[in-house]
N, C-alpha and C. Protein backbone atom coordinates (compact mmCIF):
# COMPACT_ATOMS: atom_id res chain seq x y z
N UNK A 1 -19.89 35.27 -96.41
CA UNK A 1 -19.63 35.97 -95.15
C UNK A 1 -18.17 36.39 -95.09
N UNK A 2 -17.94 37.62 -94.66
CA UNK A 2 -16.55 38.11 -94.63
C UNK A 2 -15.87 37.78 -93.30
N UNK A 3 -14.57 37.97 -93.29
CA UNK A 3 -13.75 37.58 -92.13
C UNK A 3 -14.12 38.37 -90.89
N UNK A 4 -14.46 39.65 -91.05
CA UNK A 4 -14.79 40.49 -89.90
C UNK A 4 -16.05 39.97 -89.19
N UNK A 5 -17.03 39.55 -89.97
CA UNK A 5 -18.25 38.99 -89.39
C UNK A 5 -17.95 37.71 -88.62
N UNK A 6 -17.17 36.83 -89.24
CA UNK A 6 -16.84 35.58 -88.56
C UNK A 6 -16.12 35.85 -87.25
N UNK A 7 -15.20 36.78 -87.28
CA UNK A 7 -14.45 37.09 -86.07
C UNK A 7 -15.38 37.58 -84.97
N UNK A 8 -16.30 38.45 -85.31
CA UNK A 8 -17.22 39.00 -84.32
C UNK A 8 -18.17 37.93 -83.78
N UNK A 9 -18.61 37.01 -84.66
CA UNK A 9 -19.47 35.91 -84.22
C UNK A 9 -18.78 35.09 -83.13
N UNK A 10 -17.56 34.68 -83.38
CA UNK A 10 -16.86 33.84 -82.41
C UNK A 10 -16.41 34.64 -81.19
N UNK A 11 -16.16 35.94 -81.38
CA UNK A 11 -15.82 36.77 -80.22
C UNK A 11 -17.00 36.79 -79.23
N UNK A 12 -18.21 36.94 -79.77
CA UNK A 12 -19.39 36.97 -78.91
C UNK A 12 -19.65 35.61 -78.26
N UNK A 13 -19.49 34.55 -79.04
CA UNK A 13 -19.71 33.22 -78.48
C UNK A 13 -18.70 32.94 -77.36
N UNK A 14 -17.48 33.38 -77.54
CA UNK A 14 -16.46 33.20 -76.49
C UNK A 14 -16.77 34.07 -75.28
N UNK A 15 -17.25 35.29 -75.54
CA UNK A 15 -17.59 36.20 -74.45
C UNK A 15 -18.67 35.59 -73.55
N UNK A 16 -19.65 34.96 -74.17
CA UNK A 16 -20.76 34.34 -73.42
C UNK A 16 -20.34 33.05 -72.73
N UNK A 17 -19.36 32.35 -73.30
CA UNK A 17 -18.96 31.05 -72.75
C UNK A 17 -17.45 30.88 -72.96
N UNK A 18 -16.66 31.46 -72.06
CA UNK A 18 -15.20 31.50 -72.28
C UNK A 18 -14.52 30.14 -72.31
N UNK A 19 -15.07 29.17 -71.59
CA UNK A 19 -14.45 27.84 -71.55
C UNK A 19 -15.49 26.76 -71.83
N UNK A 20 -15.89 26.64 -73.11
CA UNK A 20 -16.94 25.67 -73.45
C UNK A 20 -16.46 24.23 -73.28
N UNK A 21 -17.37 23.38 -72.86
CA UNK A 21 -17.04 21.98 -72.63
C UNK A 21 -18.07 21.08 -73.28
N UNK A 22 -17.66 19.86 -73.61
CA UNK A 22 -18.61 18.87 -74.07
C UNK A 22 -19.60 18.56 -72.97
N UNK A 23 -20.81 18.17 -73.34
CA UNK A 23 -21.81 17.79 -72.34
C UNK A 23 -21.75 16.31 -72.01
N UNK A 24 -20.86 15.58 -72.68
CA UNK A 24 -20.65 14.19 -72.33
C UNK A 24 -19.80 14.12 -71.06
N UNK A 25 -20.19 13.26 -70.12
CA UNK A 25 -19.44 13.13 -68.87
C UNK A 25 -18.27 12.15 -69.06
N UNK A 26 -17.07 12.57 -68.70
CA UNK A 26 -15.90 11.71 -68.81
C UNK A 26 -14.79 12.24 -67.91
N UNK A 27 -13.86 11.37 -67.56
CA UNK A 27 -12.72 11.81 -66.75
C UNK A 27 -11.38 11.40 -67.36
N UNK A 28 -11.41 10.56 -68.39
CA UNK A 28 -10.19 10.14 -69.09
C UNK A 28 -10.46 10.13 -70.58
N UNK A 29 -9.39 10.15 -71.41
CA UNK A 29 -9.60 10.04 -72.85
C UNK A 29 -10.35 8.76 -73.24
N UNK A 30 -10.10 7.67 -72.52
CA UNK A 30 -10.80 6.42 -72.83
C UNK A 30 -12.30 6.55 -72.55
N UNK A 31 -12.66 7.13 -71.42
CA UNK A 31 -14.08 7.33 -71.11
C UNK A 31 -14.75 8.22 -72.15
N UNK A 32 -14.04 9.24 -72.62
CA UNK A 32 -14.60 10.11 -73.66
C UNK A 32 -14.80 9.33 -74.96
N UNK A 33 -13.81 8.54 -75.35
CA UNK A 33 -13.90 7.75 -76.58
C UNK A 33 -15.13 6.84 -76.55
N UNK A 34 -15.32 6.12 -75.46
CA UNK A 34 -16.47 5.22 -75.36
C UNK A 34 -17.77 6.01 -75.37
N UNK A 35 -17.82 7.12 -74.67
CA UNK A 35 -19.03 7.95 -74.64
C UNK A 35 -19.38 8.47 -76.04
N UNK A 36 -18.38 8.87 -76.80
CA UNK A 36 -18.65 9.39 -78.15
C UNK A 36 -19.12 8.27 -79.07
N UNK A 37 -18.54 7.09 -78.96
CA UNK A 37 -19.02 5.94 -79.74
C UNK A 37 -20.49 5.67 -79.41
N UNK A 38 -20.84 5.72 -78.14
CA UNK A 38 -22.22 5.46 -77.72
C UNK A 38 -23.18 6.57 -78.12
N UNK A 39 -22.66 7.77 -78.37
CA UNK A 39 -23.53 8.93 -78.61
C UNK A 39 -24.09 9.01 -80.02
N UNK A 40 -23.63 8.16 -80.93
CA UNK A 40 -24.15 8.19 -82.31
C UNK A 40 -25.65 7.93 -82.28
N UNK A 41 -26.41 8.84 -82.88
CA UNK A 41 -27.88 8.77 -82.92
C UNK A 41 -28.48 8.60 -81.53
N UNK A 42 -27.86 9.23 -80.55
CA UNK A 42 -28.36 9.22 -79.18
C UNK A 42 -28.05 10.59 -78.56
N UNK A 43 -28.74 10.91 -77.48
CA UNK A 43 -28.49 12.19 -76.82
C UNK A 43 -27.37 12.06 -75.79
N UNK A 44 -26.68 13.19 -75.53
CA UNK A 44 -25.64 13.18 -74.51
C UNK A 44 -26.24 12.82 -73.15
N UNK A 45 -27.45 13.31 -72.88
CA UNK A 45 -28.11 13.01 -71.61
C UNK A 45 -28.30 11.52 -71.44
N UNK A 46 -28.76 10.85 -72.50
CA UNK A 46 -28.97 9.41 -72.46
C UNK A 46 -27.68 8.63 -72.26
N UNK A 47 -26.63 9.07 -72.95
CA UNK A 47 -25.33 8.44 -72.81
C UNK A 47 -24.80 8.61 -71.39
N UNK A 48 -24.92 9.82 -70.85
CA UNK A 48 -24.43 10.09 -69.50
C UNK A 48 -25.12 9.22 -68.46
N UNK A 49 -26.41 8.98 -68.65
CA UNK A 49 -27.14 8.13 -67.71
C UNK A 49 -26.59 6.70 -67.72
N UNK A 50 -26.27 6.22 -68.92
CA UNK A 50 -25.73 4.87 -69.05
C UNK A 50 -24.31 4.76 -68.51
N UNK A 51 -23.45 5.74 -68.86
CA UNK A 51 -22.06 5.65 -68.40
C UNK A 51 -21.93 5.93 -66.90
N UNK A 52 -22.90 6.63 -66.32
CA UNK A 52 -22.88 6.86 -64.87
C UNK A 52 -23.00 5.55 -64.11
N UNK A 53 -23.62 4.55 -64.73
CA UNK A 53 -23.72 3.22 -64.13
C UNK A 53 -22.56 2.32 -64.56
N UNK A 54 -22.11 2.51 -65.80
CA UNK A 54 -21.04 1.67 -66.34
C UNK A 54 -19.67 1.99 -65.77
N UNK A 55 -19.28 3.27 -65.79
CA UNK A 55 -17.90 3.63 -65.46
C UNK A 55 -17.47 3.30 -64.03
N UNK A 56 -18.34 3.39 -63.03
CA UNK A 56 -17.92 2.98 -61.69
C UNK A 56 -17.59 1.48 -61.61
N UNK A 57 -18.15 0.71 -62.54
CA UNK A 57 -17.91 -0.75 -62.57
C UNK A 57 -16.75 -1.09 -63.50
N UNK A 58 -16.71 -0.41 -64.64
CA UNK A 58 -15.67 -0.70 -65.65
C UNK A 58 -15.37 0.57 -66.46
N UNK A 59 -14.15 1.06 -66.36
CA UNK A 59 -13.79 2.26 -67.11
C UNK A 59 -12.38 2.17 -67.72
N UNK A 60 -11.93 0.93 -67.96
CA UNK A 60 -10.67 0.70 -68.69
C UNK A 60 -10.96 -0.30 -69.80
N UNK A 61 -10.09 -0.36 -70.82
CA UNK A 61 -10.31 -1.33 -71.89
C UNK A 61 -10.43 -2.76 -71.37
N UNK A 62 -9.57 -3.13 -70.42
CA UNK A 62 -9.61 -4.49 -69.90
C UNK A 62 -10.90 -4.78 -69.15
N UNK A 63 -11.33 -3.83 -68.35
CA UNK A 63 -12.53 -4.05 -67.52
C UNK A 63 -13.80 -4.13 -68.36
N UNK A 64 -13.91 -3.25 -69.36
CA UNK A 64 -15.09 -3.30 -70.21
C UNK A 64 -15.07 -4.55 -71.09
N UNK A 65 -13.88 -4.89 -71.61
CA UNK A 65 -13.78 -6.10 -72.44
C UNK A 65 -14.19 -7.34 -71.64
N UNK A 66 -13.85 -7.35 -70.38
CA UNK A 66 -14.19 -8.50 -69.52
C UNK A 66 -15.69 -8.67 -69.34
N UNK A 67 -16.44 -7.60 -69.51
CA UNK A 67 -17.91 -7.67 -69.41
C UNK A 67 -18.50 -8.51 -70.55
N UNK A 68 -17.85 -8.46 -71.72
CA UNK A 68 -18.39 -9.14 -72.90
C UNK A 68 -19.55 -8.35 -73.47
N UNK A 69 -19.97 -8.72 -74.65
CA UNK A 69 -21.05 -7.99 -75.34
C UNK A 69 -22.33 -8.02 -74.52
N UNK A 70 -22.69 -9.19 -74.01
CA UNK A 70 -23.93 -9.30 -73.23
C UNK A 70 -23.86 -8.49 -71.94
N UNK A 71 -22.74 -8.54 -71.26
CA UNK A 71 -22.59 -7.79 -70.01
C UNK A 71 -22.64 -6.29 -70.23
N UNK A 72 -21.95 -5.83 -71.28
CA UNK A 72 -21.97 -4.39 -71.61
C UNK A 72 -23.35 -3.95 -72.02
N UNK A 73 -24.03 -4.78 -72.79
CA UNK A 73 -25.38 -4.43 -73.29
C UNK A 73 -26.33 -4.10 -72.15
N UNK A 74 -26.18 -4.76 -71.01
CA UNK A 74 -27.05 -4.51 -69.87
C UNK A 74 -26.92 -3.06 -69.38
N UNK A 75 -25.74 -2.51 -69.52
CA UNK A 75 -25.52 -1.13 -69.08
C UNK A 75 -25.98 -0.09 -70.11
N UNK A 76 -25.97 -0.45 -71.38
CA UNK A 76 -26.24 0.55 -72.42
C UNK A 76 -27.52 0.28 -73.20
N UNK A 77 -28.36 -0.61 -72.71
CA UNK A 77 -29.55 -1.01 -73.48
C UNK A 77 -30.59 0.11 -73.60
N UNK A 78 -30.43 1.18 -72.84
CA UNK A 78 -31.35 2.32 -72.95
C UNK A 78 -30.93 3.24 -74.11
N UNK A 79 -29.78 2.96 -74.70
CA UNK A 79 -29.27 3.78 -75.81
C UNK A 79 -29.61 3.13 -77.15
N UNK A 80 -29.97 3.94 -78.12
CA UNK A 80 -30.28 3.41 -79.46
C UNK A 80 -29.11 2.64 -80.05
N UNK A 81 -29.45 1.60 -80.82
CA UNK A 81 -28.46 0.77 -81.51
C UNK A 81 -27.47 0.13 -80.54
N UNK A 82 -27.94 -0.20 -79.35
CA UNK A 82 -27.01 -0.66 -78.31
C UNK A 82 -26.33 -1.98 -78.65
N UNK A 83 -27.00 -2.86 -79.42
CA UNK A 83 -26.38 -4.14 -79.76
C UNK A 83 -25.12 -3.96 -80.59
N UNK A 84 -25.23 -3.19 -81.67
CA UNK A 84 -24.07 -2.97 -82.53
C UNK A 84 -23.01 -2.15 -81.81
N UNK A 85 -23.45 -1.21 -80.98
CA UNK A 85 -22.48 -0.39 -80.24
C UNK A 85 -21.71 -1.24 -79.24
N UNK A 86 -22.40 -2.17 -78.59
CA UNK A 86 -21.73 -3.06 -77.62
C UNK A 86 -20.65 -3.88 -78.31
N UNK A 87 -20.96 -4.40 -79.49
CA UNK A 87 -19.98 -5.19 -80.24
C UNK A 87 -18.78 -4.34 -80.61
N UNK A 88 -19.03 -3.12 -81.09
CA UNK A 88 -17.94 -2.22 -81.47
C UNK A 88 -17.07 -1.85 -80.28
N UNK A 89 -17.71 -1.53 -79.16
CA UNK A 89 -16.95 -1.14 -77.97
C UNK A 89 -16.09 -2.28 -77.45
N UNK A 90 -16.63 -3.46 -77.40
CA UNK A 90 -15.86 -4.62 -76.91
C UNK A 90 -14.65 -4.87 -77.81
N UNK A 91 -14.84 -4.79 -79.12
CA UNK A 91 -13.74 -5.00 -80.05
C UNK A 91 -12.72 -3.85 -79.96
N UNK A 92 -13.20 -2.64 -79.81
CA UNK A 92 -12.30 -1.50 -79.63
C UNK A 92 -11.45 -1.67 -78.38
N UNK A 93 -12.07 -2.13 -77.31
CA UNK A 93 -11.32 -2.37 -76.06
C UNK A 93 -10.24 -3.43 -76.25
N UNK A 94 -10.57 -4.48 -77.00
CA UNK A 94 -9.58 -5.53 -77.27
C UNK A 94 -8.39 -4.96 -78.03
N UNK A 95 -8.66 -4.17 -79.05
CA UNK A 95 -7.59 -3.59 -79.86
C UNK A 95 -6.74 -2.64 -79.04
N UNK A 96 -7.38 -1.80 -78.21
CA UNK A 96 -6.63 -0.86 -77.37
C UNK A 96 -5.69 -1.60 -76.43
N UNK A 97 -6.19 -2.68 -75.82
CA UNK A 97 -5.38 -3.44 -74.88
C UNK A 97 -4.23 -4.15 -75.58
N UNK A 98 -4.50 -4.74 -76.76
CA UNK A 98 -3.51 -5.55 -77.45
C UNK A 98 -2.50 -4.74 -78.27
N UNK A 99 -2.97 -3.63 -78.86
CA UNK A 99 -2.11 -2.90 -79.78
C UNK A 99 -1.61 -1.54 -79.27
N UNK A 100 -2.31 -1.00 -78.29
CA UNK A 100 -2.00 0.38 -77.88
C UNK A 100 -1.71 0.50 -76.38
N UNK A 101 -1.36 -0.61 -75.74
CA UNK A 101 -1.02 -0.56 -74.32
C UNK A 101 -2.15 0.07 -73.49
N UNK A 102 -3.39 -0.16 -73.94
CA UNK A 102 -4.60 0.34 -73.29
C UNK A 102 -4.72 1.86 -73.28
N UNK A 103 -3.97 2.50 -74.17
CA UNK A 103 -4.05 3.95 -74.28
C UNK A 103 -4.80 4.35 -75.56
N UNK A 104 -5.52 5.47 -75.49
CA UNK A 104 -6.23 5.96 -76.67
C UNK A 104 -5.23 6.63 -77.59
N UNK A 105 -5.19 6.23 -78.88
CA UNK A 105 -4.25 6.86 -79.82
C UNK A 105 -4.51 8.35 -79.97
N UNK A 106 -3.45 9.11 -80.21
CA UNK A 106 -3.59 10.56 -80.36
C UNK A 106 -3.46 10.98 -81.81
N UNK A 107 -3.78 10.08 -82.74
CA UNK A 107 -3.75 10.47 -84.15
C UNK A 107 -4.97 9.86 -84.87
N UNK A 108 -5.38 10.55 -85.91
CA UNK A 108 -6.61 10.20 -86.61
C UNK A 108 -6.59 8.79 -87.22
N UNK A 109 -5.49 8.42 -87.85
CA UNK A 109 -5.43 7.14 -88.55
C UNK A 109 -5.68 5.97 -87.61
N UNK A 110 -5.04 5.98 -86.46
CA UNK A 110 -5.21 4.88 -85.50
C UNK A 110 -6.58 4.93 -84.83
N UNK A 111 -7.10 6.12 -84.61
CA UNK A 111 -8.44 6.25 -84.03
C UNK A 111 -9.50 5.69 -84.99
N UNK A 112 -9.40 6.08 -86.26
CA UNK A 112 -10.41 5.66 -87.24
C UNK A 112 -10.31 4.16 -87.55
N UNK A 113 -9.23 3.53 -87.15
CA UNK A 113 -9.11 2.08 -87.36
C UNK A 113 -9.88 1.29 -86.30
N UNK A 114 -10.35 1.99 -85.26
CA UNK A 114 -11.09 1.32 -84.19
C UNK A 114 -12.55 1.14 -84.58
N UNK A 115 -13.15 0.01 -84.29
CA UNK A 115 -14.56 -0.24 -84.63
C UNK A 115 -15.48 0.79 -83.99
N UNK A 116 -16.39 1.34 -84.77
CA UNK A 116 -17.33 2.32 -84.27
C UNK A 116 -16.81 3.74 -84.25
N UNK A 117 -15.58 3.91 -84.71
CA UNK A 117 -14.97 5.25 -84.72
C UNK A 117 -14.84 5.75 -86.15
N UNK A 118 -15.61 6.77 -86.48
CA UNK A 118 -15.52 7.41 -87.79
C UNK A 118 -14.81 8.74 -87.68
N UNK A 119 -14.86 9.50 -88.73
CA UNK A 119 -14.15 10.79 -88.76
C UNK A 119 -14.62 11.74 -87.66
N UNK A 120 -15.94 11.82 -87.47
CA UNK A 120 -16.47 12.74 -86.48
C UNK A 120 -16.02 12.36 -85.07
N UNK A 121 -16.14 11.07 -84.73
CA UNK A 121 -15.72 10.60 -83.41
C UNK A 121 -14.24 10.86 -83.18
N UNK A 122 -13.44 10.57 -84.19
CA UNK A 122 -11.99 10.81 -84.06
C UNK A 122 -11.70 12.29 -83.83
N UNK A 123 -12.41 13.16 -84.53
CA UNK A 123 -12.21 14.60 -84.36
C UNK A 123 -12.61 15.07 -82.96
N UNK A 124 -13.69 14.52 -82.42
CA UNK A 124 -14.11 14.90 -81.06
C UNK A 124 -13.03 14.52 -80.06
N UNK A 125 -12.51 13.29 -80.17
CA UNK A 125 -11.48 12.84 -79.23
C UNK A 125 -10.20 13.65 -79.37
N UNK A 126 -9.77 13.88 -80.60
CA UNK A 126 -8.55 14.66 -80.84
C UNK A 126 -8.66 16.06 -80.27
N UNK A 127 -9.83 16.69 -80.49
CA UNK A 127 -10.04 18.06 -80.05
C UNK A 127 -10.28 18.16 -78.55
N UNK A 128 -11.18 17.33 -78.03
CA UNK A 128 -11.61 17.47 -76.64
C UNK A 128 -10.65 16.83 -75.65
N UNK A 129 -10.19 15.63 -75.95
CA UNK A 129 -9.29 14.95 -75.02
C UNK A 129 -7.85 15.39 -75.16
N UNK A 130 -7.40 15.63 -76.39
CA UNK A 130 -5.99 15.92 -76.64
C UNK A 130 -5.73 17.36 -77.08
N UNK A 131 -6.80 18.17 -77.17
CA UNK A 131 -6.69 19.60 -77.49
C UNK A 131 -5.91 19.85 -78.79
N UNK A 132 -6.23 19.03 -79.79
CA UNK A 132 -5.67 19.24 -81.12
C UNK A 132 -6.66 20.05 -81.96
N UNK A 133 -6.13 20.73 -82.98
CA UNK A 133 -7.00 21.50 -83.87
C UNK A 133 -7.72 20.55 -84.82
N UNK A 134 -8.91 20.13 -84.41
CA UNK A 134 -9.73 19.23 -85.22
C UNK A 134 -11.18 19.70 -85.11
N UNK A 135 -11.94 19.53 -86.18
CA UNK A 135 -13.30 20.05 -86.22
C UNK A 135 -14.29 18.90 -86.49
N UNK A 136 -14.99 18.51 -85.45
CA UNK A 136 -16.01 17.45 -85.60
C UNK A 136 -17.31 18.09 -86.03
N UNK A 137 -17.83 17.68 -87.17
CA UNK A 137 -19.08 18.26 -87.69
C UNK A 137 -20.23 17.27 -87.51
N UNK A 138 -21.11 17.59 -86.58
CA UNK A 138 -22.33 16.77 -86.40
C UNK A 138 -23.50 17.49 -87.05
N UNK A 139 -24.73 17.03 -86.82
CA UNK A 139 -25.90 17.64 -87.46
C UNK A 139 -26.07 19.09 -87.01
N UNK A 140 -25.78 19.39 -85.74
CA UNK A 140 -25.93 20.77 -85.25
C UNK A 140 -24.94 21.71 -85.95
N UNK A 141 -23.69 21.30 -85.99
CA UNK A 141 -22.66 22.16 -86.58
C UNK A 141 -22.88 22.30 -88.09
N UNK A 142 -23.31 21.22 -88.73
CA UNK A 142 -23.60 21.29 -90.17
C UNK A 142 -24.72 22.30 -90.42
N UNK A 143 -25.77 22.24 -89.60
CA UNK A 143 -26.90 23.17 -89.76
C UNK A 143 -26.50 24.62 -89.50
N UNK A 144 -25.81 24.86 -88.39
CA UNK A 144 -25.42 26.22 -88.03
C UNK A 144 -24.46 26.82 -89.07
N UNK A 145 -23.51 26.01 -89.52
CA UNK A 145 -22.53 26.49 -90.51
C UNK A 145 -23.21 26.91 -91.81
N UNK A 146 -24.20 26.13 -92.22
CA UNK A 146 -24.91 26.45 -93.47
C UNK A 146 -25.92 27.57 -93.27
N UNK A 147 -26.68 27.49 -92.20
CA UNK A 147 -27.76 28.46 -91.98
C UNK A 147 -27.23 29.88 -91.78
N UNK A 148 -26.18 30.01 -91.00
CA UNK A 148 -25.62 31.34 -90.69
C UNK A 148 -24.78 31.90 -91.85
N UNK A 149 -24.20 30.97 -92.63
CA UNK A 149 -23.27 31.38 -93.68
C UNK A 149 -21.82 31.36 -93.24
N UNK A 150 -21.58 30.89 -92.02
CA UNK A 150 -20.19 30.84 -91.52
C UNK A 150 -19.30 29.95 -92.39
N UNK A 151 -19.83 28.77 -92.74
CA UNK A 151 -19.05 27.83 -93.55
C UNK A 151 -19.99 26.89 -94.30
N UNK A 152 -20.70 27.39 -95.31
CA UNK A 152 -21.64 26.55 -96.03
C UNK A 152 -20.98 25.44 -96.83
N UNK A 153 -21.62 24.28 -96.83
CA UNK A 153 -21.08 23.15 -97.59
C UNK A 153 -22.15 22.11 -97.82
N UNK A 154 -21.96 21.26 -98.84
CA UNK A 154 -22.97 20.27 -99.22
C UNK A 154 -22.89 19.01 -98.36
N UNK A 155 -21.74 18.78 -97.72
CA UNK A 155 -21.61 17.60 -96.86
C UNK A 155 -20.71 17.94 -95.67
N UNK A 156 -20.63 17.01 -94.73
CA UNK A 156 -19.91 17.31 -93.48
C UNK A 156 -18.42 17.53 -93.70
N UNK A 157 -17.82 16.83 -94.62
CA UNK A 157 -16.38 16.99 -94.86
C UNK A 157 -16.11 18.39 -95.45
N UNK A 158 -16.98 18.82 -96.36
CA UNK A 158 -16.81 20.16 -96.95
C UNK A 158 -16.96 21.24 -95.89
N UNK A 159 -17.93 21.09 -95.01
CA UNK A 159 -18.11 22.05 -93.93
C UNK A 159 -16.92 22.03 -92.98
N UNK A 160 -16.44 20.84 -92.66
CA UNK A 160 -15.28 20.70 -91.77
C UNK A 160 -14.08 21.46 -92.34
N UNK A 161 -13.80 21.25 -93.62
CA UNK A 161 -12.64 21.90 -94.25
C UNK A 161 -12.79 23.42 -94.28
N UNK A 162 -14.04 23.89 -94.54
CA UNK A 162 -14.26 25.33 -94.58
C UNK A 162 -14.13 25.96 -93.19
N UNK A 163 -14.63 25.25 -92.17
CA UNK A 163 -14.49 25.78 -90.80
C UNK A 163 -13.02 25.88 -90.42
N UNK A 164 -12.24 24.84 -90.73
CA UNK A 164 -10.82 24.88 -90.41
C UNK A 164 -10.11 26.02 -91.16
N UNK A 165 -10.63 26.37 -92.32
CA UNK A 165 -10.03 27.44 -93.13
C UNK A 165 -10.49 28.82 -92.69
N UNK A 166 -11.79 28.96 -92.36
CA UNK A 166 -12.36 30.28 -92.15
C UNK A 166 -12.48 30.74 -90.70
N UNK A 167 -12.57 29.81 -89.76
CA UNK A 167 -12.66 30.23 -88.36
C UNK A 167 -11.33 30.85 -87.94
N UNK A 168 -11.35 32.07 -87.39
CA UNK A 168 -10.09 32.69 -86.96
C UNK A 168 -9.33 31.77 -86.02
N UNK A 169 -8.03 31.71 -86.19
CA UNK A 169 -7.22 30.72 -85.46
C UNK A 169 -7.35 30.84 -83.93
N UNK A 170 -7.54 32.05 -83.44
CA UNK A 170 -7.63 32.22 -81.98
C UNK A 170 -8.87 31.54 -81.39
N UNK A 171 -9.85 31.25 -82.24
CA UNK A 171 -11.09 30.62 -81.78
C UNK A 171 -11.20 29.14 -82.16
N UNK A 172 -10.26 28.67 -82.97
CA UNK A 172 -10.39 27.38 -83.61
C UNK A 172 -10.46 26.20 -82.64
N UNK A 173 -9.70 26.25 -81.58
CA UNK A 173 -9.64 25.12 -80.66
C UNK A 173 -10.98 24.82 -79.99
N UNK A 174 -11.75 25.87 -79.70
CA UNK A 174 -13.03 25.70 -79.01
C UNK A 174 -14.25 25.90 -79.91
N UNK A 175 -14.04 26.18 -81.18
CA UNK A 175 -15.15 26.48 -82.10
C UNK A 175 -16.16 25.33 -82.16
N UNK A 176 -15.69 24.09 -82.14
CA UNK A 176 -16.57 22.94 -82.17
C UNK A 176 -17.62 23.00 -81.05
N UNK A 177 -17.18 23.32 -79.84
CA UNK A 177 -18.10 23.36 -78.70
C UNK A 177 -19.07 24.52 -78.81
N UNK A 178 -18.58 25.69 -79.22
CA UNK A 178 -19.49 26.84 -79.35
C UNK A 178 -20.57 26.58 -80.38
N UNK A 179 -20.18 26.00 -81.50
CA UNK A 179 -21.15 25.77 -82.57
C UNK A 179 -22.17 24.70 -82.21
N UNK A 180 -21.72 23.63 -81.56
CA UNK A 180 -22.66 22.55 -81.22
C UNK A 180 -23.66 23.03 -80.15
N UNK A 181 -23.19 23.81 -79.18
CA UNK A 181 -24.09 24.33 -78.16
C UNK A 181 -25.06 25.35 -78.74
N UNK A 182 -24.58 26.15 -79.67
CA UNK A 182 -25.44 27.13 -80.33
C UNK A 182 -26.54 26.42 -81.13
N UNK A 183 -26.16 25.34 -81.81
CA UNK A 183 -27.14 24.59 -82.58
C UNK A 183 -28.12 23.84 -81.71
N UNK A 184 -27.64 23.37 -80.58
CA UNK A 184 -28.48 22.57 -79.68
C UNK A 184 -29.52 23.42 -78.95
N UNK A 185 -29.14 24.65 -78.57
CA UNK A 185 -30.01 25.44 -77.71
C UNK A 185 -30.59 26.71 -78.32
N UNK A 186 -29.98 27.21 -79.38
CA UNK A 186 -30.47 28.46 -79.99
C UNK A 186 -30.86 28.26 -81.45
N UNK A 187 -29.94 27.87 -82.28
CA UNK A 187 -30.20 27.71 -83.71
C UNK A 187 -30.74 26.30 -83.98
N UNK A 188 -31.90 26.03 -83.40
CA UNK A 188 -32.46 24.69 -83.42
C UNK A 188 -33.04 24.32 -84.78
N UNK A 189 -33.17 23.03 -85.01
CA UNK A 189 -33.53 22.54 -86.34
C UNK A 189 -34.91 23.00 -86.79
N UNK A 190 -35.93 22.75 -86.00
CA UNK A 190 -37.29 23.05 -86.45
C UNK A 190 -37.57 24.54 -86.51
N UNK A 191 -37.14 25.25 -85.49
CA UNK A 191 -37.36 26.69 -85.45
C UNK A 191 -36.24 27.37 -84.68
N UNK A 192 -35.37 28.09 -85.40
CA UNK A 192 -34.29 28.79 -84.69
C UNK A 192 -34.83 29.87 -83.78
N UNK A 193 -34.20 30.04 -82.62
CA UNK A 193 -34.66 31.03 -81.65
C UNK A 193 -33.94 32.34 -81.92
N UNK A 194 -34.23 32.94 -83.05
CA UNK A 194 -33.53 34.15 -83.50
C UNK A 194 -33.66 35.31 -82.51
N UNK A 195 -34.82 35.38 -81.85
CA UNK A 195 -35.03 36.46 -80.89
C UNK A 195 -34.12 36.38 -79.69
N UNK A 196 -33.57 35.21 -79.43
CA UNK A 196 -32.67 35.01 -78.28
C UNK A 196 -31.22 34.84 -78.72
N UNK A 197 -30.93 35.11 -79.98
CA UNK A 197 -29.62 34.81 -80.55
C UNK A 197 -28.67 35.99 -80.44
N UNK A 198 -27.49 35.72 -79.92
CA UNK A 198 -26.46 36.77 -79.75
C UNK A 198 -25.84 37.20 -81.08
N UNK A 199 -25.99 36.38 -82.10
CA UNK A 199 -25.34 36.72 -83.37
C UNK A 199 -26.37 36.94 -84.50
N UNK A 200 -27.61 37.24 -84.10
CA UNK A 200 -28.67 37.40 -85.11
C UNK A 200 -28.33 38.46 -86.14
N UNK A 201 -27.74 39.57 -85.71
CA UNK A 201 -27.44 40.68 -86.62
C UNK A 201 -26.30 40.34 -87.58
N UNK A 202 -25.52 39.32 -87.26
CA UNK A 202 -24.40 38.92 -88.11
C UNK A 202 -24.74 37.73 -89.00
N UNK A 203 -25.79 36.99 -88.62
CA UNK A 203 -26.20 35.79 -89.33
C UNK A 203 -26.82 36.14 -90.68
N UNK A 204 -26.54 35.32 -91.69
CA UNK A 204 -27.05 35.59 -93.05
C UNK A 204 -28.25 34.73 -93.42
N UNK A 205 -28.87 34.12 -92.40
CA UNK A 205 -30.08 33.31 -92.64
C UNK A 205 -31.24 34.22 -93.05
N UNK A 206 -31.92 33.88 -94.15
CA UNK A 206 -32.96 34.76 -94.68
C UNK A 206 -34.28 34.68 -93.92
N UNK A 207 -34.65 33.48 -93.48
CA UNK A 207 -35.99 33.28 -92.87
C UNK A 207 -35.93 33.35 -91.35
N UNK A 208 -35.45 34.45 -90.82
CA UNK A 208 -35.31 34.59 -89.37
C UNK A 208 -36.66 34.65 -88.69
N UNK A 209 -36.73 34.08 -87.49
CA UNK A 209 -37.97 34.15 -86.71
C UNK A 209 -38.00 35.44 -85.90
N UNK A 210 -39.21 35.92 -85.61
CA UNK A 210 -39.32 37.21 -84.93
C UNK A 210 -39.37 37.07 -83.43
N UNK A 211 -39.61 35.83 -82.94
CA UNK A 211 -39.64 35.62 -81.51
C UNK A 211 -38.65 34.53 -81.13
N UNK A 212 -38.52 34.26 -79.81
CA UNK A 212 -37.57 33.26 -79.35
C UNK A 212 -38.25 31.97 -78.94
């Protein structure tokens, strides 16, 4: 795919959604961090339902840590893998309180040192909470990048590096949100809704569907 095509793709995505936002509900960087940890192999809707009950009761590292694993589990037991997530979140809260003055680190190395935080989670927090140029590649973004030809790659790190290289800089800060929303609602896994796609004429996917 050439640079002109990529530019037009993101121009249209921006035109349709000038200020894209994550669908995870949060009001502080800490709330976002916990929500992203909980969102692994879970839906944003499911996470939001759990945090809507949790955050009014506890939304700081100290408050959540005070709940303990069993106490936290009661709030997040509707989310997949909640036992292991509860342990990770409690330990993350302890580390934030003891080592980071209860503040979420603004760099990748310290974020990835937290339990339950991998490269993707760190990138989401850096990009969404701190507005840094970082590209979190989830299953939706991996699929859209490969299917359209925007940034094909064999694994998520390869796709991440290509997106950072090929997405025009003026779109880079919000590209993560545009791509994830496009993958979630239009370029879906089982059957892409090509008939409803704003970038169908620019997409290089061979097996396009004729309806939406």
